[in-house]
Amino acid sequence: MKTTISSKGQIVLPAELRAQDELEAGQEFEIERLDRGDYRLVRRTVPPNVGVVDWLLACPEKGFFVPVESESTDAL
């Protein structure tokens, strides 16, 4: 497949690839320069449970989830 770098330095992934890999706007990637003109683009993985607390706090049944204070592990 072919794509073009914009005047702002942006590269567009073709729609076919975005659909195949279920890519959405805002997802982050790592880019690594392998050699002159050779690059590797890797989608950054989101750690498990990211956003779970916000999701629970947005629960329509109020009081369902209450954040619990925890002690710091710095002293361990």
PDB file of N, CA and C in Angstrom:
ATOM      1  N   MET A   1       0.833  -1.182   0.000  1.00  0.00           N
ATOM      2  CA  MET A   1       0.000   0.000   0.000  1.00  0.00           C
ATOM      3  C   MET A   1       0.871   1.237   0.000  1.00  0.00           C
ATOM      4  N   LYS A   2       0.305   2.307  -0.440  1.00  0.00           N
ATOM      5  CA  LYS A   2       1.047   3.543  -0.565  1.00  0.00           C
ATOM      6  C   LYS A   2       0.378   4.635   0.270  1.00  0.00           C
ATOM      7  N   THR A   3       1.186   5.482   0.896  1.00  0.00           N
ATOM      8  CA  THR A   3       0.681   6.634   1.630  1.00  0.00           C
ATOM      9  C   THR A   3       1.660   7.776   1.423  1.00  0.00           C
ATOM     10  N   THR A   4       1.298   8.960   1.885  1.00  0.00           N
ATOM     11  CA  THR A   4       2.108  10.154   1.664  1.00  0.00           C
ATOM     12  C   THR A   4       2.295  10.899   2.975  1.00  0.00           C
ATOM     13  N   ILE A   5       3.440  11.527   3.145  1.00  0.00           N
ATOM     14  CA  ILE A   5       3.682  12.381   4.306  1.00  0.00           C
ATOM     15  C   ILE A   5       3.118  13.764   3.990  1.00  0.00           C
ATOM     16  N   SER A   6       2.335  14.312   4.918  1.00  0.00           N
ATOM     17  CA  SER A   6       1.745  15.633   4.707  1.00  0.00           C
ATOM     18  C   SER A   6       2.781  16.725   4.972  1.00  0.00           C
ATOM     19  N   SER A   7       2.415  17.968   4.686  1.00  0.00           N
ATOM     20  CA  SER A   7       3.318  19.093   4.935  1.00  0.00           C
ATOM     21  C   SER A   7       3.580  19.274   6.433  1.00  0.00           C
ATOM     22  N   LYS A   8       2.733  18.688   7.263  1.00  0.00           N
ATOM     23  CA  LYS A   8       2.917  18.745   8.718  1.00  0.00           C
ATOM     24  C   LYS A   8       3.697  17.539   9.239  1.00  0.00           C
ATOM     25  N   GLY A   9       4.145  16.669   8.329  1.00  0.00           N
ATOM     26  CA  GLY A   9       4.908  15.488   8.746  1.00  0.00           C
ATOM     27  C   GLY A   9       4.043  14.332   9.181  1.00  0.00           C
ATOM     28  N   GLN A  10       2.754  14.382   8.896  1.00  0.00           N
ATOM     29  CA  GLN A  10       1.836  13.313   9.294  1.00  0.00           C
ATOM     30  C   GLN A  10       1.752  12.246   8.217  1.00  0.00           C
ATOM     31  N   ILE A  11       1.643  10.997   8.668  1.00  0.00           N
ATOM     32  CA  ILE A  11       1.482   9.864   7.763  1.00  0.00           C
ATOM     33  C   ILE A  11       0.109   9.261   8.031  1.00  0.00           C
ATOM     34  N   VAL A  12      -0.656   9.054   6.982  1.00  0.00           N
ATOM     35  CA  VAL A  12      -1.991   8.473   7.113  1.00  0.00           C
ATOM     36  C   VAL A  12      -1.910   6.979   6.829  1.00  0.00           C
ATOM     37  N   LEU A  13      -2.425   6.195   7.759  1.00  0.00           N
ATOM     38  CA  LEU A  13      -2.528   4.759   7.510  1.00  0.00           C
ATOM     39  C   LEU A  13      -3.772   4.544   6.654  1.00  0.00           C
ATOM     40  N   PRO A  14      -3.658   3.787   5.579  1.00  0.00           N
ATOM     41  CA  PRO A  14      -4.819   3.556   4.717  1.00  0.00           C
ATOM     42  C   PRO A  14      -6.002   2.972   5.490  1.00  0.00           C
ATOM     43  N   ALA A  15      -7.207   3.341   5.067  1.00  0.00           N
ATOM     44  CA  ALA A  15      -8.438   2.912   5.742  1.00  0.00           C
ATOM     45  C   ALA A  15      -8.527   1.397   5.848  1.00  0.00           C
ATOM     46  N   GLU A  16      -8.070   0.685   4.831  1.00  0.00           N
ATOM     47  CA  GLU A  16      -8.125  -0.779   4.843  1.00  0.00           C
ATOM     48  C   GLU A  16      -7.323  -1.347   6.018  1.00  0.00           C
ATOM     49  N   LEU A  17      -6.137  -0.801   6.270  1.00  0.00           N
ATOM     50  CA  LEU A  17      -5.313  -1.261   7.398  1.00  0.00           C
ATOM     51  C   LEU A  17      -5.946  -0.883   8.728  1.00  0.00           C
ATOM     52  N   ARG A  18      -6.483   0.335   8.802  1.00  0.00           N
ATOM     53  CA  ARG A  18      -7.129   0.761  10.051  1.00  0.00           C
ATOM     54  C   ARG A  18      -8.307  -0.143  10.381  1.00  0.00           C
ATOM     55  N   ALA A  19      -9.071  -0.534   9.382  1.00  0.00           N
ATOM     56  CA  ALA A  19     -10.223  -1.414   9.607  1.00  0.00           C
ATOM     57  C   ALA A  19      -9.773  -2.809  10.020  1.00  0.00           C
ATOM     58  N   GLN A  20      -8.764  -3.344   9.351  1.00  0.00           N
ATOM     59  CA  GLN A  20      -8.275  -4.700   9.662  1.00  0.00           C
ATOM     60  C   GLN A  20      -7.795  -4.812  11.100  1.00  0.00           C
ATOM     61  N   ASP A  21      -7.126  -3.771  11.596  1.00  0.00           N
ATOM     62  CA  ASP A  21      -6.547  -3.815  12.939  1.00  0.00           C
ATOM     63  C   ASP A  21      -7.371  -3.048  13.967  1.00  0.00           C
ATOM     64  N   GLU A  22      -8.561  -2.611  13.577  1.00  0.00           N
ATOM     65  CA  GLU A  22      -9.469  -1.892  14.480  1.00  0.00           C
ATOM     66  C   GLU A  22      -8.775  -0.696  15.136  1.00  0.00           C
ATOM     67  N   LEU A  23      -8.082   0.086  14.326  1.00  0.00           N
ATOM     68  CA  LEU A  23      -7.399   1.278  14.823  1.00  0.00           C
ATOM     69  C   LEU A  23      -8.383   2.435  14.901  1.00  0.00           C
ATOM     70  N   GLU A  24      -8.251   3.227  15.949  1.00  0.00           N
ATOM     71  CA  GLU A  24      -9.143   4.370  16.153  1.00  0.00           C
ATOM     72  C   GLU A  24      -8.306   5.625  16.340  1.00  0.00           C
ATOM     73  N   ALA A  25      -8.926   6.760  16.077  1.00  0.00           N
ATOM     74  CA  ALA A  25      -8.257   8.044  16.280  1.00  0.00           C
ATOM     75  C   ALA A  25      -7.808   8.160  17.730  1.00  0.00           C
ATOM     76  N   GLY A  26      -6.620   8.682  17.922  1.00  0.00           N
ATOM     77  CA  GLY A  26      -6.103   8.887  19.276  1.00  0.00           C
ATOM     78  C   GLY A  26      -5.228   7.754  19.783  1.00  0.00           C
ATOM     79  N   GLN A  27      -5.227   6.604  19.102  1.00  0.00           N
ATOM     80  CA  GLN A  27      -4.366   5.515  19.554  1.00  0.00           C
ATOM     81  C   GLN A  27      -2.913   5.903  19.322  1.00  0.00           C
ATOM     82  N   GLU A  28      -2.043   5.464  20.224  1.00  0.00           N
ATOM     83  CA  GLU A  28      -0.638   5.853  20.166  1.00  0.00           C
ATOM     84  C   GLU A  28       0.216   4.744  19.572  1.00  0.00           C
ATOM     85  N   PHE A  29       1.300   5.186  18.912  1.00  0.00           N
ATOM     86  CA  PHE A  29       2.235   4.271  18.272  1.00  0.00           C
ATOM     87  C   PHE A  29       3.655   4.648  18.661  1.00  0.00           C
ATOM     88  N   GLU A  30       4.524   3.665  18.624  1.00  0.00           N
ATOM     89  CA  GLU A  30       5.952   3.879  18.775  1.00  0.00           C
ATOM     90  C   GLU A  30       6.539   3.790  17.376  1.00  0.00           C
ATOM     91  N   ILE A  31       7.475   4.663  17.057  1.00  0.00           N
ATOM     92  CA  ILE A  31       8.159   4.563  15.777  1.00  0.00           C
ATOM     93  C   ILE A  31       9.645   4.433  16.050  1.00  0.00           C
ATOM     94  N   GLU A  32      10.266   3.500  15.357  1.00  0.00           N
ATOM     95  CA  GLU A  32      11.690   3.227  15.554  1.00  0.00           C
ATOM     96  C   GLU A  32      12.392   3.329  14.204  1.00  0.00           C
ATOM     97  N   ARG A  33      13.489   4.044  14.180  1.00  0.00           N
ATOM     98  CA  ARG A  33      14.274   4.137  12.955  1.00  0.00           C
ATOM     99  C   ARG A  33      15.210   2.946  12.913  1.00  0.00           C
ATOM    100  N   LEU A  34      15.031   2.081  11.923  1.00  0.00           N
ATOM    101  CA  LEU A  34      15.858   0.890  11.774  1.00  0.00           C
ATOM    102  C   LEU A  34      17.116   1.191  10.982  1.00  0.00           C
ATOM    103  N   ASP A  35      16.967   1.986   9.949  1.00  0.00           N
ATOM    104  CA  ASP A  35      18.074   2.341   9.068  1.00  0.00           C
ATOM    105  C   ASP A  35      17.608   3.531   8.241  1.00  0.00           C
ATOM    106  N   ARG A  36      18.486   4.066   7.453  1.00  0.00           N
ATOM    107  CA  ARG A  36      18.106   5.202   6.616  1.00  0.00           C
ATOM    108  C   ARG A  36      16.944   4.802   5.707  1.00  0.00           C
ATOM    109  N   GLY A  37      15.804   5.456   5.906  1.00  0.00           N
ATOM    110  CA  GLY A  37      14.614   5.174   5.104  1.00  0.00           C
ATOM    111  C   GLY A  37      13.802   3.982   5.553  1.00  0.00           C
ATOM    112  N   ASP A  38      14.222   3.267   6.590  1.00  0.00           N
ATOM    113  CA  ASP A  38      13.485   2.109   7.103  1.00  0.00           C
ATOM    114  C   ASP A  38      13.017   2.386   8.519  1.00  0.00           C
ATOM    115  N   TYR A  39      11.721   2.232   8.741  1.00  0.00           N
ATOM    116  CA  TYR A  39      11.130   2.522  10.034  1.00  0.00           C
ATOM    117  C   TYR A  39      10.189   1.395  10.436  1.00  0.00           C
ATOM    118  N   ARG A  40       9.957   1.280  11.729  1.00  0.00           N
ATOM    119  CA  ARG A  40       8.990   0.302  12.231  1.00  0.00           C
ATOM    120  C   ARG A  40       7.982   1.054  13.086  1.00  0.00           C
ATOM    121  N   LEU A  41       6.719   0.796  12.830  1.00  0.00           N
ATOM    122  CA  LEU A  41       5.624   1.438  13.543  1.00  0.00           C
ATOM    123  C   LEU A  41       4.899   0.359  14.339  1.00  0.00           C
ATOM    124  N   VAL A  42       4.781   0.549  15.660  1.00  0.00           N
ATOM    125  CA  VAL A  42       4.149  -0.445  16.520  1.00  0.00           C
ATOM    126  C   VAL A  42       3.107   0.249  17.391  1.00  0.00           C
ATOM    127  N   ARG A  43       1.891  -0.302  17.395  1.00  0.00           N
ATOM    128  CA  ARG A  43       0.834   0.267  18.237  1.00  0.00           C
ATOM    129  C   ARG A  43       1.179   0.025  19.700  1.00  0.00           C
ATOM    130  N   ARG A  44       1.085   1.078  20.501  1.00  0.00           N
ATOM    131  CA  ARG A  44       1.336   0.940  21.942  1.00  0.00           C
ATOM    132  C   ARG A  44       0.156   0.231  22.564  1.00  0.00           C
ATOM    133  N   THR A  45       0.447  -0.696  23.434  1.00  0.00           N
ATOM    134  CA  THR A  45      -0.623  -1.426  24.101  1.00  0.00           C
ATOM    135  C   THR A  45      -1.055  -0.660  25.342  1.00  0.00           C
ATOM    136  N   VAL A  46      -2.328  -0.697  25.596  1.00  0.00           N
ATOM    137  CA  VAL A  46      -2.881  -0.040  26.773  1.00  0.00           C
ATOM    138  C   VAL A  46      -2.826  -1.030  27.932  1.00  0.00           C
ATOM    139  N   PRO A  47      -2.286  -0.614  29.071  1.00  0.00           N
ATOM    140  CA  PRO A  47      -2.248  -1.527  30.218  1.00  0.00           C
ATOM    141  C   PRO A  47      -3.658  -2.000  30.571  1.00  0.00           C
ATOM    142  N   PRO A  48      -3.793  -3.237  31.041  1.00  0.00           N
ATOM    143  CA  PRO A  48      -5.112  -3.754  31.396  1.00  0.00           C
ATOM    144  C   PRO A  48      -5.792  -2.871  32.434  1.00  0.00           C
ATOM    145  N   ASN A  49      -7.074  -2.772  32.331  1.00  0.00           N
ATOM    146  CA  ASN A  49      -7.928  -2.053  33.288  1.00  0.00           C
ATOM    147  C   ASN A  49      -7.794  -0.541  33.249  1.00  0.00           C
ATOM    148  N   VAL A  50      -7.126   0.008  32.235  1.00  0.00           N
ATOM    149  CA  VAL A  50      -7.050   1.457  32.132  1.00  0.00           C
ATOM    150  C   VAL A  50      -8.457   1.982  31.912  1.00  0.00           C
ATOM    151  N   GLY A  51      -8.864   2.934  32.728  1.00  0.00           N
ATOM    152  CA  GLY A  51     -10.191   3.528  32.592  1.00  0.00           C
ATOM    153  C   GLY A  51     -11.265   2.823  33.394  1.00  0.00           C
ATOM    154  N   VAL A  52     -10.935   1.733  34.074  1.00  0.00           N
ATOM    155  CA  VAL A  52     -11.953   0.989  34.816  1.00  0.00           C
ATOM    156  C   VAL A  52     -12.527   1.824  35.959  1.00  0.00           C
ATOM    157  N   VAL A  53     -11.675   2.550  36.680  1.00  0.00           N
ATOM    158  CA  VAL A  53     -12.165   3.363  37.801  1.00  0.00           C
ATOM    159  C   VAL A  53     -13.120   4.434  37.283  1.00  0.00           C
ATOM    160  N   ASP A  54     -12.756   5.123  36.202  1.00  0.00           N
ATOM    161  CA  ASP A  54     -13.653   6.129  35.634  1.00  0.00           C
ATOM    162  C   ASP A  54     -14.973   5.494  35.199  1.00  0.00           C
ATOM    163  N   TRP A  55     -14.896   4.303  34.614  1.00  0.00           N
ATOM    164  CA  TRP A  55     -16.098   3.597  34.177  1.00  0.00           C
ATOM    165  C   TRP A  55     -16.989   3.256  35.376  1.00  0.00           C
ATOM    166  N   LEU A  56     -16.377   2.774  36.454  1.00  0.00           N
ATOM    167  CA  LEU A  56     -17.152   2.438  37.649  1.00  0.00           C
ATOM    168  C   LEU A  56     -17.758   3.677  38.298  1.00  0.00           C
ATOM    169  N   LEU A  57     -16.985   4.772  38.328  1.00  0.00           N
ATOM    170  CA  LEU A  57     -17.509   6.006  38.915  1.00  0.00           C
ATOM    171  C   LEU A  57     -18.665   6.568  38.097  1.00  0.00           C
ATOM    172  N   ALA A  58     -18.720   6.248  36.807  1.00  0.00           N
ATOM    173  CA  ALA A  58     -19.803   6.718  35.948  1.00  0.00           C
ATOM    174  C   ALA A  58     -21.021   5.796  36.012  1.00  0.00           C
ATOM    175  N   CYS A  59     -20.978   4.776  36.853  1.00  0.00           N
ATOM    176  CA  CYS A  59     -22.069   3.811  36.966  1.00  0.00           C
ATOM    177  C   CYS A  59     -23.369   4.538  37.311  1.00  0.00           C
ATOM    178  N   PRO A  60     -24.465   4.200  36.627  1.00  0.00           N
ATOM    179  CA  PRO A  60     -25.735   4.891  36.894  1.00  0.00           C
ATOM    180  C   PRO A  60     -26.274   4.636  38.300  1.00  0.00           C
ATOM    181  N   GLU A  61     -25.888   3.542  38.931  1.00  0.00           N
ATOM    182  CA  GLU A  61     -26.339   3.260  40.290  1.00  0.00           C
ATOM    183  C   GLU A  61     -25.340   3.885  41.256  1.00  0.00           C
ATOM    184  N   LYS A  62     -25.677   5.051  41.778  1.00  0.00           N
ATOM    185  CA  LYS A  62     -24.751   5.796  42.632  1.00  0.00           C
ATOM    186  C   LYS A  62     -24.442   5.018  43.912  1.00  0.00           C
ATOM    187  N   GLY A  63     -23.199   5.135  44.343  1.00  0.00           N
ATOM    188  CA  GLY A  63     -22.765   4.453  45.556  1.00  0.00           C
ATOM    189  C   GLY A  63     -22.327   3.017  45.305  1.00  0.00           C
ATOM    190  N   PHE A  64     -22.402   2.578  44.047  1.00  0.00           N
ATOM    191  CA  PHE A  64     -22.007   1.211  43.704  1.00  0.00           C
ATOM    192  C   PHE A  64     -20.518   1.005  43.928  1.00  0.00           C
ATOM    193  N   PHE A  65     -19.743   2.021  43.587  1.00  0.00           N
ATOM    194  CA  PHE A  65     -18.289   1.925  43.716  1.00  0.00           C
ATOM    195  C   PHE A  65     -17.804   3.087  44.562  1.00  0.00           C
ATOM    196  N   VAL A  66     -17.011   2.771  45.576  1.00  0.00           N
ATOM    197  CA  VAL A  66     -16.435   3.796  46.429  1.00  0.00           C
ATOM    198  C   VAL A  66     -14.930   3.608  46.437  1.00  0.00           C
ATOM    199  N   PRO A  67     -14.161   4.633  46.032  1.00  0.00           N
ATOM    200  CA  PRO A  67     -12.703   4.495  46.061  1.00  0.00           C
ATOM    201  C   PRO A  67     -12.216   4.229  47.483  1.00  0.00           C
ATOM    202  N   VAL A  68     -11.228   3.379  47.629  1.00  0.00           N
ATOM    203  CA  VAL A  68     -10.675   3.026  48.932  1.00  0.00           C
ATOM    204  C   VAL A  68      -9.268   3.599  49.011  1.00  0.00           C
ATOM    205  N   GLU A  69      -8.988   4.290  50.101  1.00  0.00           N
ATOM    206  CA  GLU A  69      -7.636   4.813  50.276  1.00  0.00           C
ATOM    207  C   GLU A  69      -6.704   3.656  50.578  1.00  0.00           C
ATOM    208  N   SER A  70      -5.526   3.708  50.017  1.00  0.00           N
ATOM    209  CA  SER A  70      -4.546   2.653  50.269  1.00  0.00           C
ATOM    210  C   SER A  70      -3.251   3.265  50.754  1.00  0.00           C
ATOM    211  N   GLU A  71      -2.478   2.446  51.428  1.00  0.00           N
ATOM    212  CA  GLU A  71      -1.199   2.912  51.939  1.00  0.00           C
ATOM    213  C   GLU A  71      -0.164   2.901  50.812  1.00  0.00           C
ATOM    214  N   SER A  72       0.807   3.746  50.938  1.00  0.00           N
ATOM    215  CA  SER A  72       1.875   3.796  49.961  1.00  0.00           C
ATOM    216  C   SER A  72       2.775   2.586  50.105  1.00  0.00           C
ATOM    217  N   THR A  73       3.286   2.115  49.000  1.00  0.00           N
ATOM    218  CA  THR A  73       4.227   0.997  49.035  1.00  0.00           C
ATOM    219  C   THR A  73       5.675   1.488  49.062  1.00  0.00           C
ATOM    220  N   ASP A  74       5.866   2.816  49.187  1.00  0.00           N
ATOM    221  CA  ASP A  74       7.214   3.379  49.201  1.00  0.00           C
ATOM    222  C   ASP A  74       8.043   2.860  50.384  1.00  0.00           C
ATOM    223  N   ALA A  75       7.380   2.540  51.499  1.00  0.00           N
ATOM    224  CA  ALA A  75       8.089   2.120  52.683  1.00  0.00           C
ATOM    225  C   ALA A  75       8.472   0.639  52.661  1.00  0.00           C
ATOM    226  N   LEU A  76       7.995  -0.090  51.677  1.00  0.00           N
ATOM    227  CA  LEU A  76       8.283  -1.525  51.642  1.00  0.00           C
ATOM    228  C   LEU A  76       9.669  -1.816  51.171  1.00  0.00           C
TER     229      LEU A  76
END
